[in-house]
Every structure is written in C-alpha cells, then in structure tokens.
N, C-alpha and C. Protein backbone atom coordinates (compact mmCIF):
# COMPACT_ATOMS: atom_id res chain seq x y z
N MET A 1 57.20 -72.96 -149.66
CA MET A 1 56.84 -73.99 -148.71
C MET A 1 55.88 -73.37 -147.70
N ASN A 2 54.78 -74.05 -147.47
CA ASN A 2 53.83 -73.56 -146.47
C ASN A 2 54.07 -74.26 -145.13
N ASP A 3 53.31 -73.86 -144.12
CA ASP A 3 53.50 -74.40 -142.77
C ASP A 3 53.31 -75.91 -142.71
N SER A 4 52.30 -76.42 -143.37
CA SER A 4 52.04 -77.86 -143.28
C SER A 4 53.15 -78.66 -143.97
N GLU A 5 53.69 -78.15 -145.07
CA GLU A 5 54.81 -78.83 -145.73
C GLU A 5 56.05 -78.82 -144.83
N PHE A 6 56.31 -77.67 -144.20
CA PHE A 6 57.45 -77.57 -143.28
C PHE A 6 57.30 -78.56 -142.13
N ASN A 7 56.11 -78.58 -141.52
CA ASN A 7 55.88 -79.48 -140.39
C ASN A 7 56.03 -80.94 -140.79
N ALA A 8 55.58 -81.30 -141.97
CA ALA A 8 55.72 -82.69 -142.43
C ALA A 8 57.19 -83.05 -142.60
N LEU A 9 57.98 -82.15 -143.19
CA LEU A 9 59.41 -82.42 -143.37
C LEU A 9 60.14 -82.46 -142.03
N ALA A 10 59.79 -81.56 -141.12
CA ALA A 10 60.43 -81.53 -139.81
C ALA A 10 60.11 -82.80 -139.03
N ASN A 11 58.86 -83.24 -139.06
CA ASN A 11 58.48 -84.47 -138.36
C ASN A 11 59.18 -85.68 -138.96
N ALA A 12 59.33 -85.72 -140.26
CA ALA A 12 60.04 -86.83 -140.90
C ALA A 12 61.50 -86.84 -140.47
N ALA A 13 62.11 -85.66 -140.37
CA ALA A 13 63.51 -85.58 -139.92
C ALA A 13 63.65 -86.06 -138.49
N LEU A 14 62.73 -85.66 -137.61
CA LEU A 14 62.78 -86.10 -136.22
C LEU A 14 62.60 -87.61 -136.11
N GLN A 15 61.72 -88.18 -136.90
CA GLN A 15 61.52 -89.62 -136.89
C GLN A 15 62.76 -90.35 -137.38
N HIS A 16 63.45 -89.77 -138.35
CA HIS A 16 64.69 -90.36 -138.87
C HIS A 16 65.77 -90.34 -137.78
N ILE A 17 65.88 -89.23 -137.06
CA ILE A 17 66.84 -89.13 -135.96
C ILE A 17 66.50 -90.16 -134.88
N GLU A 18 65.22 -90.25 -134.53
CA GLU A 18 64.78 -91.20 -133.50
C GLU A 18 65.11 -92.63 -133.90
N ALA A 19 64.89 -92.98 -135.15
CA ALA A 19 65.20 -94.33 -135.63
C ALA A 19 66.70 -94.61 -135.53
N GLY A 20 67.52 -93.62 -135.85
CA GLY A 20 68.96 -93.78 -135.74
C GLY A 20 69.40 -93.97 -134.30
N LEU A 21 68.78 -93.23 -133.39
CA LEU A 21 69.11 -93.38 -131.97
C LEU A 21 68.72 -94.77 -131.47
N GLU A 22 67.55 -95.25 -131.88
CA GLU A 22 67.11 -96.59 -131.48
C GLU A 22 68.06 -97.66 -131.98
N ALA A 23 68.61 -97.48 -133.16
CA ALA A 23 69.49 -98.48 -133.77
C ALA A 23 70.92 -98.40 -133.23
N SER A 24 71.26 -97.31 -132.59
CA SER A 24 72.64 -97.14 -132.12
C SER A 24 72.86 -97.87 -130.80
N ALA A 25 74.12 -98.09 -130.49
CA ALA A 25 74.49 -98.71 -129.21
C ALA A 25 74.97 -97.64 -128.23
N ALA A 26 74.70 -96.39 -128.53
CA ALA A 26 75.16 -95.29 -127.68
C ALA A 26 74.47 -95.33 -126.32
N ASP A 27 75.19 -94.87 -125.30
CA ASP A 27 74.66 -94.83 -123.94
C ASP A 27 73.90 -93.52 -123.76
N LEU A 28 72.62 -93.54 -124.14
CA LEU A 28 71.79 -92.35 -124.06
C LEU A 28 70.33 -92.73 -123.92
N ASP A 29 69.55 -91.77 -123.50
CA ASP A 29 68.10 -91.91 -123.44
C ASP A 29 67.51 -90.81 -124.28
N PHE A 30 66.36 -91.06 -124.87
CA PHE A 30 65.70 -90.03 -125.66
C PHE A 30 64.20 -90.16 -125.52
N GLU A 31 63.52 -89.05 -125.75
CA GLU A 31 62.07 -89.03 -125.61
C GLU A 31 61.51 -87.96 -126.53
N MET A 32 60.44 -88.29 -127.23
CA MET A 32 59.72 -87.29 -127.99
C MET A 32 58.83 -86.55 -126.99
N ILE A 33 59.15 -85.30 -126.73
CA ILE A 33 58.40 -84.50 -125.76
C ILE A 33 57.04 -84.11 -126.34
N SER A 34 57.01 -83.79 -127.61
CA SER A 34 55.78 -83.50 -128.33
C SER A 34 56.00 -83.94 -129.77
N ASP A 35 55.07 -83.62 -130.64
CA ASP A 35 55.24 -84.01 -132.04
C ASP A 35 56.43 -83.33 -132.69
N SER A 36 56.93 -82.26 -132.07
CA SER A 36 57.99 -81.50 -132.73
C SER A 36 59.23 -81.27 -131.88
N VAL A 37 59.36 -81.99 -130.76
CA VAL A 37 60.52 -81.81 -129.88
C VAL A 37 61.07 -83.17 -129.46
N LEU A 38 62.37 -83.38 -129.73
CA LEU A 38 63.07 -84.60 -129.34
C LEU A 38 64.13 -84.23 -128.32
N GLU A 39 64.08 -84.85 -127.15
CA GLU A 39 65.06 -84.59 -126.09
C GLU A 39 65.98 -85.80 -125.97
N ILE A 40 67.29 -85.55 -126.05
CA ILE A 40 68.29 -86.62 -125.97
C ILE A 40 69.16 -86.36 -124.74
N ASP A 41 69.22 -87.34 -123.82
CA ASP A 41 70.03 -87.25 -122.60
C ASP A 41 71.18 -88.23 -122.71
N PHE A 42 72.40 -87.72 -122.49
CA PHE A 42 73.60 -88.55 -122.59
C PHE A 42 74.07 -88.99 -121.21
N ALA A 43 74.88 -90.04 -121.17
CA ALA A 43 75.35 -90.63 -119.91
C ALA A 43 76.15 -89.63 -119.09
N ASP A 44 76.81 -88.67 -119.73
CA ASP A 44 77.62 -87.70 -119.00
C ASP A 44 76.79 -86.54 -118.43
N GLY A 45 75.47 -86.61 -118.60
CA GLY A 45 74.58 -85.59 -118.07
C GLY A 45 74.24 -84.48 -119.06
N SER A 46 74.88 -84.48 -120.21
CA SER A 46 74.57 -83.46 -121.20
C SER A 46 73.25 -83.80 -121.89
N LYS A 47 72.66 -82.78 -122.51
CA LYS A 47 71.35 -82.94 -123.12
C LYS A 47 71.30 -82.13 -124.41
N ILE A 48 70.64 -82.68 -125.40
CA ILE A 48 70.37 -81.97 -126.64
C ILE A 48 68.86 -81.99 -126.86
N ILE A 49 68.31 -80.84 -127.18
CA ILE A 49 66.89 -80.74 -127.51
C ILE A 49 66.80 -80.34 -128.97
N VAL A 50 66.12 -81.18 -129.74
CA VAL A 50 65.99 -80.94 -131.19
C VAL A 50 64.54 -80.58 -131.47
C-alpha cells in the first residue's frame, strides 16, 4: 500500500465515522479539523481526536 492508497482509505473511514455521528442521537459535537483529523466533543467534556 502506498501513501495515496492509505490516505484514501483513511479519509473514507473518517467520512464513515462522521456519517454515523450525524445519524446518531448522541449528545455530542464534532468537527473535521482538517482532511485527516476528526474531533469529537462529548457533553461530559471529554474529547476524542481521530
């Protein structure tokens, strides 16, 4: 696997996660910080960066 193949798969995975978050009823906020970073903020103040 070369870099461009990896980046394409990683971006597809992030888009899949983002779509799931949009469809959920969870109490959270999320933002794509760049093409390769997804930040998820939860109501309790915790945060996950993917």
